[in-house]
Amino acid sequence: MPKRYLHPLAALFIATLSFQCLADSRILATSGATQLEGAAGGGLVPWAVIAGYGDEGEWGGSLAATRVSVDDFQLDATSINIGINNRFEMSLSHHNLKVEPLNLNIRQDIIGLKIKLLGDLIYNSLPQISSGVQYKRNHDELVPFLLGAKDDTGTDYYLSASKLYLNAIMGRNLLINVTGRWTEANQIGLLGFGGHDNGHTLQAEASVGLLINRHWVVGMEYRQKPDNLKAVDEDDWQDVFIGWFPNKHLSTVLAYSDLGDIAGLPNQSGWYLSFQLVH
């Protein structure tokens, strides 16, 4: 990630550790994990939750390192996010995709903002509803342009609704999240933006997680994808995951992901592993 982006926000994250307003009022695991593009949520899908464990008048956030390793690709993502007042979230993420058959790398940076609009994850009859935006810039546009992408930058807009249902299944808590994303990103932007259908389309995303106890959650995710490129098809993504939240300072997510065809290479499936330092 360019130093001009990472260092100031990382310094801000570290500085908040000494602030009295940095606290951990929210319940364990209600911060979610760090989504692939930097937002608080699942691995593939952003949730309506705000990063960290801070509530009103408090700060929170996380630092995350994620690797997705499938048959012909390896994606490394480094992310940082900060939540303020359990209302606002800002995030940065850097992607480095290694395309093993071509021995090349594709890099991307993502700047994200999220705002909680209404409701609450637990304490309100309405689900928590948040709106977010993710600005993406691809720094290695040769392959995307060869495949028919129109731009090397793009912006996603999304609306997420999340609800934690207490004692839902055999006394265990159940989290359900649905997200609608307005996007023109090809493979989340790693293959550029736009194509023969050179415009934004609405895509559906969803996550379901069952909390086995206060430290462990299992679930699955689904992410619909646009199909803008004439040269190659783009499939929807899905995964099954297990998350471990030993305390409010550390979390880990392990998933088996099915990403379908990517850049003409079929049946890309493999493992997703993410570590987060949280406050």
C-alpha atoms as a PDB file:
ATOM      1  CA  MET A   1       0.000   0.000   0.000  1.00  0.00           C
ATOM      2  CA  PRO A   2       1.351   3.476  -0.765  1.00  0.00           C
ATOM      3  CA  LYS A   3       2.951   4.897   2.355  1.00  0.00           C
ATOM      4  CA  ARG A   4       1.041   8.175   2.015  1.00  0.00           C
ATOM      5  CA  TYR A   5      -2.181   6.186   2.692  1.00  0.00           C
ATOM      6  CA  LEU A   6      -1.130   3.540   5.194  1.00  0.00           C
ATOM      7  CA  HIS A   7       1.131   5.446   7.571  1.00  0.00           C
ATOM      8  CA  PRO A   8      -1.194   8.315   8.588  1.00  0.00           C
ATOM      9  CA  LEU A   9      -4.135   6.028   9.299  1.00  0.00           C
ATOM     10  CA  ALA A  10      -1.941   3.477  11.070  1.00  0.00           C
ATOM     11  CA  ALA A  11      -0.545   6.265  13.234  1.00  0.00           C
ATOM     12  CA  LEU A  12      -4.078   7.412  14.012  1.00  0.00           C
ATOM     13  CA  PHE A  13      -5.067   3.863  14.985  1.00  0.00           C
ATOM     14  CA  ILE A  14      -2.078   3.530  17.324  1.00  0.00           C
ATOM     15  CA  ALA A  15      -2.603   6.986  18.796  1.00  0.00           C
ATOM     16  CA  THR A  16      -6.150   6.154  19.802  1.00  0.00           C
ATOM     17  CA  LEU A  17      -4.836   3.415  22.088  1.00  0.00           C
ATOM     18  CA  SER A  18      -3.895   6.123  24.595  1.00  0.00           C
ATOM     19  CA  PHE A  19      -7.236   7.964  24.405  1.00  0.00           C
ATOM     20  CA  GLN A  20      -9.776   7.508  27.164  1.00  0.00           C
ATOM     21  CA  CYS A  21     -12.488   7.551  24.508  1.00  0.00           C
ATOM     22  CA  LEU A  22     -11.076   4.311  23.058  1.00  0.00           C
ATOM     23  CA  ALA A  23     -13.128   1.602  24.788  1.00  0.00           C
ATOM     24  CA  ASP A  24     -14.697  -1.812  24.365  1.00  0.00           C
ATOM     25  CA  SER A  25     -18.338  -1.388  25.334  1.00  0.00           C
ATOM     26  CA  ARG A  26     -19.783  -3.703  22.704  1.00  0.00           C
ATOM     27  CA  ILE A  27     -20.208  -7.465  23.081  1.00  0.00           C
ATOM     28  CA  LEU A  28     -17.485  -9.841  21.885  1.00  0.00           C
ATOM     29  CA  ALA A  29     -17.660 -10.662  18.142  1.00  0.00           C
ATOM     30  CA  THR A  30     -20.183  -7.878  17.369  1.00  0.00           C
ATOM     31  CA  SER A  31     -17.432  -6.022  15.490  1.00  0.00           C
ATOM     32  CA  GLY A  32     -17.415  -8.784  12.884  1.00  0.00           C
ATOM     33  CA  ALA A  33     -14.160  -9.594  11.101  1.00  0.00           C
ATOM     34  CA  THR A  34     -12.404  -7.483   8.446  1.00  0.00           C
ATOM     35  CA  GLN A  35     -13.938  -7.953   5.023  1.00  0.00           C
ATOM     36  CA  LEU A  36     -11.636  -8.467   2.030  1.00  0.00           C
ATOM     37  CA  GLU A  37     -12.040  -4.841   0.912  1.00  0.00           C
ATOM     38  CA  GLY A  38     -11.368  -3.427   4.393  1.00  0.00           C
ATOM     39  CA  ALA A  39     -14.845  -2.927   5.867  1.00  0.00           C
ATOM     40  CA  ALA A  40     -16.079  -4.570   9.046  1.00  0.00           C
ATOM     41  CA  GLY A  41     -18.074  -7.686   8.177  1.00  0.00           C
ATOM     42  CA  GLY A  42     -17.493 -11.195   6.959  1.00  0.00           C
ATOM     43  CA  GLY A  43     -14.741 -12.280   4.609  1.00  0.00           C
ATOM     44  CA  LEU A  44     -16.505 -11.660   1.287  1.00  0.00           C
ATOM     45  CA  VAL A  45     -19.374  -9.419   2.364  1.00  0.00           C
ATOM     46  CA  PRO A  46     -19.484  -6.126   4.320  1.00  0.00           C
ATOM     47  CA  TRP A  47     -21.942  -6.048   7.223  1.00  0.00           C
ATOM     48  CA  ALA A  48     -23.821  -3.121   8.721  1.00  0.00           C
ATOM     49  CA  VAL A  49     -21.671  -3.277  11.880  1.00  0.00           C
ATOM     50  CA  ILE A  50     -19.066  -0.589  12.559  1.00  0.00           C
ATOM     51  CA  ALA A  51     -15.417  -1.566  13.047  1.00  0.00           C
ATOM     52  CA  GLY A  52     -14.077  -2.159  16.549  1.00  0.00           C
ATOM     53  CA  TYR A  53     -15.785  -2.437  19.921  1.00  0.00           C
ATOM     54  CA  GLY A  54     -16.339   1.253  20.647  1.00  0.00           C
ATOM     55  CA  ASP A  55     -19.850   2.543  21.321  1.00  0.00           C
ATOM     56  CA  GLU A  56     -21.178   6.104  21.418  1.00  0.00           C
ATOM     57  CA  GLY A  57     -18.398   8.502  22.404  1.00  0.00           C
ATOM     58  CA  GLU A  58     -15.741   5.832  21.804  1.00  0.00           C
ATOM     59  CA  TRP A  59     -13.280   4.752  19.140  1.00  0.00           C
ATOM     60  CA  GLY A  60     -12.432   1.303  17.829  1.00  0.00           C
ATOM     61  CA  GLY A  61     -10.912  -0.424  14.839  1.00  0.00           C
ATOM     62  CA  SER A  62      -8.735  -3.209  13.526  1.00  0.00           C
ATOM     63  CA  LEU A  63      -5.626  -4.096  11.573  1.00  0.00           C
ATOM     64  CA  ALA A  64      -5.959  -7.173   9.347  1.00  0.00           C
ATOM     65  CA  ALA A  65      -3.847  -9.422   7.157  1.00  0.00           C
ATOM     66  CA  THR A  66      -5.686 -11.758   4.782  1.00  0.00           C
ATOM     67  CA  ARG A  67      -4.603 -14.379   2.266  1.00  0.00           C
ATOM     68  CA  VAL A  68      -6.804 -16.113  -0.298  1.00  0.00           C
ATOM     69  CA  SER A  69      -5.075 -19.020  -2.019  1.00  0.00           C
ATOM     70  CA  VAL A  70      -6.887 -20.793  -4.859  1.00  0.00           C
ATOM     71  CA  ASP A  71      -5.697 -22.988  -7.716  1.00  0.00           C
ATOM     72  CA  ASP A  72      -4.040 -20.356  -9.944  1.00  0.00           C
ATOM     73  CA  PHE A  73      -4.112 -17.188  -7.846  1.00  0.00           C
ATOM     74  CA  GLN A  74      -2.940 -15.876  -4.494  1.00  0.00           C
ATOM     75  CA  LEU A  75      -4.412 -12.679  -3.091  1.00  0.00           C
ATOM     76  CA  ASP A  76      -2.846 -10.884  -0.122  1.00  0.00           C
ATOM     77  CA  ALA A  77      -4.833  -8.060   1.476  1.00  0.00           C
ATOM     78  CA  THR A  78      -3.624  -5.687   4.176  1.00  0.00           C
ATOM     79  CA  SER A  79      -6.366  -3.588   5.750  1.00  0.00           C
ATOM     80  CA  ILE A  80      -6.963  -1.044   8.468  1.00  0.00           C
ATOM     81  CA  ASN A  81     -10.269   0.396   9.650  1.00  0.00           C
ATOM     82  CA  ILE A  82     -11.424   2.781  12.338  1.00  0.00           C
ATOM     83  CA  GLY A  83     -14.890   3.088  13.866  1.00  0.00           C
ATOM     84  CA  ILE A  84     -16.056   6.284  15.583  1.00  0.00           C
ATOM     85  CA  ASN A  85     -19.046   6.546  17.963  1.00  0.00           C
ATOM     86  CA  ASN A  86     -20.365   3.221  16.622  1.00  0.00           C
ATOM     87  CA  ARG A  87     -21.656   5.405  13.788  1.00  0.00           C
ATOM     88  CA  PHE A  88     -18.877   6.087  11.275  1.00  0.00           C
ATOM     89  CA  GLU A  89     -16.212   3.852   9.771  1.00  0.00           C
ATOM     90  CA  MET A  90     -13.273   4.562   7.488  1.00  0.00           C
ATOM     91  CA  SER A  91     -10.987   1.950   5.994  1.00  0.00           C
ATOM     92  CA  LEU A  92      -8.014   1.389   3.725  1.00  0.00           C
ATOM     93  CA  SER A  93      -7.042  -1.843   2.030  1.00  0.00           C
ATOM     94  CA  HIS A  94      -4.223  -2.856  -0.294  1.00  0.00           C
ATOM     95  CA  HIS A  95      -4.502  -5.908  -2.551  1.00  0.00           C
ATOM     96  CA  ASN A  96      -1.677  -7.795  -4.223  1.00  0.00           C
ATOM     97  CA  LEU A  97      -2.922 -10.531  -6.568  1.00  0.00           C
ATOM     98  CA  LYS A  98      -0.339 -13.010  -7.792  1.00  0.00           C
ATOM     99  CA  VAL A  99      -1.376 -14.560 -11.129  1.00  0.00           C
ATOM    100  CA  GLU A 100       0.729 -17.698 -11.076  1.00  0.00           C
ATOM    101  CA  PRO A 101       0.227 -18.907 -14.698  1.00  0.00           C
ATOM    102  CA  LEU A 102       1.443 -15.522 -16.020  1.00  0.00           C
ATOM    103  CA  ASN A 103       3.988 -14.830 -13.265  1.00  0.00           C
ATOM    104  CA  LEU A 104       2.672 -11.314 -12.697  1.00  0.00           C
ATOM    105  CA  ASN A 105       1.087  -9.275  -9.945  1.00  0.00           C
ATOM    106  CA  ILE A 106      -1.958  -6.991  -9.957  1.00  0.00           C
ATOM    107  CA  ARG A 107      -2.190  -4.372  -7.210  1.00  0.00           C
ATOM    108  CA  GLN A 108      -5.210  -2.438  -6.008  1.00  0.00           C
ATOM    109  CA  ASP A 109      -5.966   0.127  -3.287  1.00  0.00           C
ATOM    110  CA  ILE A 110      -9.397   0.648  -1.729  1.00  0.00           C
ATOM    111  CA  ILE A 111     -10.609   3.565   0.387  1.00  0.00           C
ATOM    112  CA  GLY A 112     -13.858   2.892   2.237  1.00  0.00           C
ATOM    113  CA  LEU A 113     -16.405   4.888   4.238  1.00  0.00           C
ATOM    114  CA  LYS A 114     -19.461   3.552   6.078  1.00  0.00           C
ATOM    115  CA  ILE A 115     -22.202   5.198   8.130  1.00  0.00           C
ATOM    116  CA  LYS A 116     -24.784   3.602  10.384  1.00  0.00           C
ATOM    117  CA  LEU A 117     -28.213   4.894   9.369  1.00  0.00           C
ATOM    118  CA  LEU A 118     -30.659   3.326  11.837  1.00  0.00           C
ATOM    119  CA  GLY A 119     -31.533   0.276  13.919  1.00  0.00           C
ATOM    120  CA  ASP A 120     -29.228  -1.844  16.033  1.00  0.00           C
ATOM    121  CA  LEU A 121     -27.562  -5.223  15.724  1.00  0.00           C
ATOM    122  CA  ILE A 122     -29.090  -6.468  19.009  1.00  0.00           C
ATOM    123  CA  TYR A 123     -31.113  -3.910  20.979  1.00  0.00           C
ATOM    124  CA  ASN A 124     -33.673  -2.702  18.461  1.00  0.00           C
ATOM    125  CA  SER A 125     -36.534  -4.358  16.615  1.00  0.00           C
ATOM    126  CA  LEU A 126     -35.071  -2.972  13.405  1.00  0.00           C
ATOM    127  CA  PRO A 127     -31.867  -4.514  12.042  1.00  0.00           C
ATOM    128  CA  GLN A 128     -28.817  -2.315  11.955  1.00  0.00           C
ATOM    129  CA  ILE A 129     -28.705  -0.659   8.544  1.00  0.00           C
ATOM    130  CA  SER A 130     -25.586   1.018   7.187  1.00  0.00           C
ATOM    131  CA  SER A 131     -24.564   2.588   3.898  1.00  0.00           C
ATOM    132  CA  GLY A 132     -21.042   2.407   2.514  1.00  0.00           C
ATOM    133  CA  VAL A 133     -18.846   3.445  -0.376  1.00  0.00           C
ATOM    134  CA  GLN A 134     -15.579   1.892  -1.602  1.00  0.00           C
ATOM    135  CA  TYR A 135     -13.338   3.775  -4.030  1.00  0.00           C
ATOM    136  CA  LYS A 136     -10.962   1.427  -5.847  1.00  0.00           C
ATOM    137  CA  ARG A 137      -7.864   2.065  -7.936  1.00  0.00           C
ATOM    138  CA  ASN A 138      -6.131  -0.658  -9.948  1.00  0.00           C
ATOM    139  CA  HIS A 139      -2.400   0.017 -10.420  1.00  0.00           C
ATOM    140  CA  ASP A 140      -1.693  -2.689 -13.028  1.00  0.00           C
ATOM    141  CA  GLU A 141      -4.279  -2.179 -15.733  1.00  0.00           C
ATOM    142  CA  LEU A 142      -2.625  -4.059 -18.641  1.00  0.00           C
ATOM    143  CA  VAL A 143      -4.392  -7.403 -18.071  1.00  0.00           C
ATOM    144  CA  PRO A 144      -7.781  -5.799 -17.261  1.00  0.00           C
ATOM    145  CA  PHE A 145      -7.622  -3.654 -20.416  1.00  0.00           C
ATOM    146  CA  LEU A 146      -6.603  -6.646 -22.558  1.00  0.00           C
ATOM    147  CA  LEU A 147      -9.685  -8.480 -21.250  1.00  0.00           C
ATOM    148  CA  GLY A 148     -11.961  -5.563 -22.135  1.00  0.00           C
ATOM    149  CA  ALA A 149     -12.186  -3.449 -18.967  1.00  0.00           C
ATOM    150  CA  LYS A 150     -12.910   0.242 -19.601  1.00  0.00           C
ATOM    151  CA  ASP A 151     -11.412   1.894 -16.507  1.00  0.00           C
ATOM    152  CA  ASP A 152      -8.723   1.399 -13.874  1.00  0.00           C
ATOM    153  CA  THR A 153     -10.760   3.134 -11.152  1.00  0.00           C
ATOM    154  CA  GLY A 154     -14.284   2.610  -9.892  1.00  0.00           C
ATOM    155  CA  THR A 155     -16.585   3.178  -6.950  1.00  0.00           C
ATOM    156  CA  ASP A 156     -18.890   0.658  -5.256  1.00  0.00           C
ATOM    157  CA  TYR A 157     -21.928   1.770  -3.255  1.00  0.00           C
ATOM    158  CA  TYR A 158     -23.646  -0.617  -0.851  1.00  0.00           C
ATOM    159  CA  LEU A 159     -26.430  -0.857   1.690  1.00  0.00           C
ATOM    160  CA  SER A 160     -26.221  -3.525   4.399  1.00  0.00           C
ATOM    161  CA  ALA A 161     -28.708  -4.783   6.992  1.00  0.00           C
ATOM    162  CA  SER A 162     -27.470  -6.953   9.883  1.00  0.00           C
ATOM    163  CA  LYS A 163     -29.350  -8.553  12.788  1.00  0.00           C
ATOM    164  CA  LEU A 164     -28.261 -10.847  15.610  1.00  0.00           C
ATOM    165  CA  TYR A 165     -31.152 -13.073  16.717  1.00  0.00           C
ATOM    166  CA  LEU A 166     -30.658 -14.253  20.306  1.00  0.00           C
ATOM    167  CA  ASN A 167     -31.451 -17.880  21.216  1.00  0.00           C
ATOM    168  CA  ALA A 168     -32.503 -18.522  17.635  1.00  0.00           C
ATOM    169  CA  ILE A 169     -31.370 -22.130  17.064  1.00  0.00           C
ATOM    170  CA  MET A 170     -31.029 -24.551  19.979  1.00  0.00           C
ATOM    171  CA  GLY A 171     -30.280 -21.662  22.313  1.00  0.00           C
ATOM    172  CA  ARG A 172     -27.566 -20.264  20.047  1.00  0.00           C
ATOM    173  CA  ASN A 173     -27.421 -16.819  18.492  1.00  0.00           C
ATOM    174  CA  LEU A 174     -27.838 -16.381  14.732  1.00  0.00           C
ATOM    175  CA  LEU A 175     -26.495 -13.503  12.655  1.00  0.00           C
ATOM    176  CA  ILE A 176     -28.052 -12.685   9.293  1.00  0.00           C
ATOM    177  CA  ASN A 177     -26.725 -10.004   6.940  1.00  0.00           C
ATOM    178  CA  VAL A 178     -27.924  -8.934   3.512  1.00  0.00           C
ATOM    179  CA  THR A 179     -26.115  -6.409   1.309  1.00  0.00           C
ATOM    180  CA  GLY A 180     -27.024  -4.767  -1.971  1.00  0.00           C
ATOM    181  CA  ARG A 181     -24.019  -3.476  -3.956  1.00  0.00           C
ATOM    182  CA  TRP A 182     -24.111  -1.038  -6.889  1.00  0.00           C
ATOM    183  CA  THR A 183     -20.890  -1.817  -8.773  1.00  0.00           C
ATOM    184  CA  GLU A 184     -19.093  -2.072 -12.096  1.00  0.00           C
ATOM    185  CA  ALA A 185     -16.002  -3.807 -10.656  1.00  0.00           C
ATOM    186  CA  ASN A 186     -14.661  -6.899 -12.410  1.00  0.00           C
ATOM    187  CA  GLN A 187     -13.458  -9.440  -9.811  1.00  0.00           C
ATOM    188  CA  ILE A 188     -13.872  -6.717  -7.132  1.00  0.00           C
ATOM    189  CA  GLY A 189     -11.707  -4.399  -9.270  1.00  0.00           C
ATOM    190  CA  LEU A 190      -8.685  -6.646  -9.746  1.00  0.00           C
ATOM    191  CA  LEU A 191      -9.685  -6.966 -13.433  1.00  0.00           C
ATOM    192  CA  GLY A 192     -10.628  -3.324 -13.781  1.00  0.00           C
ATOM    193  CA  PHE A 193     -14.038  -1.724 -14.098  1.00  0.00           C
ATOM    194  CA  GLY A 194     -16.792  -1.826 -16.700  1.00  0.00           C
ATOM    195  CA  GLY A 195     -16.713  -3.541 -20.077  1.00  0.00           C
ATOM    196  CA  HIS A 196     -19.294  -4.277 -22.738  1.00  0.00           C
ATOM    197  CA  ASP A 197     -21.986  -3.450 -20.159  1.00  0.00           C
ATOM    198  CA  ASN A 198     -20.154  -0.295 -19.138  1.00  0.00           C
ATOM    199  CA  GLY A 199     -22.171   0.744 -16.118  1.00  0.00           C
ATOM    200  CA  HIS A 200     -23.081  -0.060 -12.542  1.00  0.00           C
ATOM    201  CA  THR A 201     -25.424  -2.950 -11.803  1.00  0.00           C
ATOM    202  CA  LEU A 202     -27.066  -4.042  -8.553  1.00  0.00           C
ATOM    203  CA  GLN A 203     -25.604  -7.224  -7.019  1.00  0.00           C
ATOM    204  CA  ALA A 204     -26.847  -9.191  -4.002  1.00  0.00           C
ATOM    205  CA  GLU A 205     -24.679 -10.424  -1.129  1.00  0.00           C
ATOM    206  CA  ALA A 206     -25.516 -12.332   2.047  1.00  0.00           C
ATOM    207  CA  SER A 207     -23.942 -13.834   5.163  1.00  0.00           C
ATOM    208  CA  VAL A 208     -25.288 -16.236   7.801  1.00  0.00           C
ATOM    209  CA  GLY A 209     -23.394 -17.072  10.974  1.00  0.00           C
ATOM    210  CA  LEU A 210     -24.297 -19.294  13.925  1.00  0.00           C
ATOM    211  CA  LEU A 211     -22.510 -18.543  17.191  1.00  0.00           C
ATOM    212  CA  ILE A 212     -21.609 -21.912  18.698  1.00  0.00           C
ATOM    213  CA  ASN A 213     -20.597 -20.044  21.864  1.00  0.00           C
ATOM    214  CA  ARG A 214     -19.297 -16.559  22.619  1.00  0.00           C
ATOM    215  CA  HIS A 215     -15.920 -17.355  21.006  1.00  0.00           C
ATOM    216  CA  TRP A 216     -16.761 -19.429  17.909  1.00  0.00           C
ATOM    217  CA  VAL A 217     -18.975 -18.788  14.885  1.00  0.00           C
ATOM    218  CA  VAL A 218     -19.603 -20.918  11.789  1.00  0.00           C
ATOM    219  CA  GLY A 219     -21.423 -19.841   8.682  1.00  0.00           C
ATOM    220  CA  MET A 220     -21.481 -19.218   4.971  1.00  0.00           C
ATOM    221  CA  GLU A 221     -21.446 -16.301   2.549  1.00  0.00           C
ATOM    222  CA  TYR A 222     -22.603 -15.616  -0.985  1.00  0.00           C
ATOM    223  CA  ARG A 223     -21.613 -12.733  -3.249  1.00  0.00           C
ATOM    224  CA  GLN A 224     -23.189 -12.075  -6.626  1.00  0.00           C
ATOM    225  CA  LYS A 225     -20.836 -10.640  -9.269  1.00  0.00           C
ATOM    226  CA  PRO A 226     -21.348  -8.597 -12.451  1.00  0.00           C
ATOM    227  CA  ASP A 227     -20.284 -10.119 -15.789  1.00  0.00           C
ATOM    228  CA  ASN A 228     -18.932  -7.170 -17.783  1.00  0.00           C
ATOM    229  CA  LEU A 229     -16.077  -8.661 -19.803  1.00  0.00           C
ATOM    230  CA  LYS A 230     -16.715 -10.267 -23.183  1.00  0.00           C
ATOM    231  CA  ALA A 231     -13.425 -12.168 -23.140  1.00  0.00           C
ATOM    232  CA  VAL A 232     -14.054 -14.073 -19.898  1.00  0.00           C
ATOM    233  CA  ASP A 233     -16.954 -15.033 -17.662  1.00  0.00           C
ATOM    234  CA  GLU A 234     -17.257 -13.981 -14.028  1.00  0.00           C
ATOM    235  CA  ASP A 235     -18.924 -16.286 -11.518  1.00  0.00           C
ATOM    236  CA  ASP A 236     -20.495 -15.580  -8.145  1.00  0.00           C
ATOM    237  CA  TRP A 237     -18.434 -16.207  -5.007  1.00  0.00           C
ATOM    238  CA  GLN A 238     -19.308 -18.301  -1.975  1.00  0.00           C
ATOM    239  CA  ASP A 239     -17.596 -19.680   1.100  1.00  0.00           C
ATOM    240  CA  VAL A 240     -18.102 -21.583   4.337  1.00  0.00           C
ATOM    241  CA  PHE A 241     -16.207 -20.190   7.316  1.00  0.00           C
ATOM    242  CA  ILE A 242     -15.305 -20.597  10.939  1.00  0.00           C
ATOM    243  CA  GLY A 243     -14.375 -17.598  13.078  1.00  0.00           C
ATOM    244  CA  TRP A 244     -12.553 -17.537  16.413  1.00  0.00           C
ATOM    245  CA  PHE A 245     -12.851 -14.561  18.794  1.00  0.00           C
ATOM    246  CA  PRO A 246     -10.733 -15.439  21.856  1.00  0.00           C
ATOM    247  CA  ASN A 247     -10.956 -11.878  23.204  1.00  0.00           C
ATOM    248  CA  LYS A 248     -11.631  -8.316  22.047  1.00  0.00           C
ATOM    249  CA  HIS A 249      -8.085  -7.843  20.753  1.00  0.00           C
ATOM    250  CA  LEU A 250      -7.713 -10.766  18.348  1.00  0.00           C
ATOM    251  CA  SER A 251      -9.844 -12.656  15.858  1.00  0.00           C
ATOM    252  CA  THR A 252      -9.210 -15.206  13.124  1.00  0.00           C
ATOM    253  CA  VAL A 253     -11.341 -16.381  10.217  1.00  0.00           C
ATOM    254  CA  LEU A 254     -10.697 -19.536   8.191  1.00  0.00           C
ATOM    255  CA  ALA A 255     -12.843 -20.285   5.144  1.00  0.00           C
ATOM    256  CA  TYR A 256     -13.068 -22.590   2.173  1.00  0.00           C
ATOM    257  CA  SER A 257     -13.932 -20.438  -0.844  1.00  0.00           C
ATOM    258  CA  ASP A 258     -15.386 -21.288  -4.244  1.00  0.00           C
ATOM    259  CA  LEU A 259     -14.656 -18.370  -6.587  1.00  0.00           C
ATOM    260  CA  GLY A 260     -15.593 -20.043  -9.879  1.00  0.00           C
ATOM    261  CA  ASP A 261     -13.888 -18.940 -13.109  1.00  0.00           C
ATOM    262  CA  ILE A 262     -11.381 -16.088 -12.883  1.00  0.00           C
ATOM    263  CA  ALA A 263      -9.828 -14.530 -16.015  1.00  0.00           C
ATOM    264  CA  GLY A 264     -10.677 -17.626 -18.046  1.00  0.00           C
ATOM    265  CA  LEU A 265      -9.145 -20.054 -15.551  1.00  0.00           C
ATOM    266  CA  PRO A 266     -11.915 -22.392 -14.341  1.00  0.00           C
ATOM    267  CA  ASN A 267     -12.911 -23.750 -10.943  1.00  0.00           C
ATOM    268  CA  GLN A 268     -10.850 -21.545  -8.662  1.00  0.00           C
ATOM    269  CA  SER A 269     -11.342 -22.823  -5.131  1.00  0.00           C
ATOM    270  CA  GLY A 270      -9.181 -22.880  -2.042  1.00  0.00           C
ATOM    271  CA  TRP A 271      -8.555 -21.365   1.369  1.00  0.00           C
ATOM    272  CA  TYR A 272      -9.146 -17.982   2.938  1.00  0.00           C
ATOM    273  CA  LEU A 273      -7.311 -17.047   6.150  1.00  0.00           C
ATOM    274  CA  SER A 274      -7.497 -13.706   7.941  1.00  0.00           C
ATOM    275  CA  PHE A 275      -5.993 -12.402  11.201  1.00  0.00           C
ATOM    276  CA  GLN A 276      -7.222  -9.227  12.896  1.00  0.00           C
ATOM    277  CA  LEU A 277      -5.866  -7.140  15.749  1.00  0.00           C
ATOM    278  CA  VAL A 278      -8.915  -5.394  17.180  1.00  0.00           C
ATOM    279  CA  HIS A 279      -9.887  -2.751  19.686  1.00  0.00           C
END
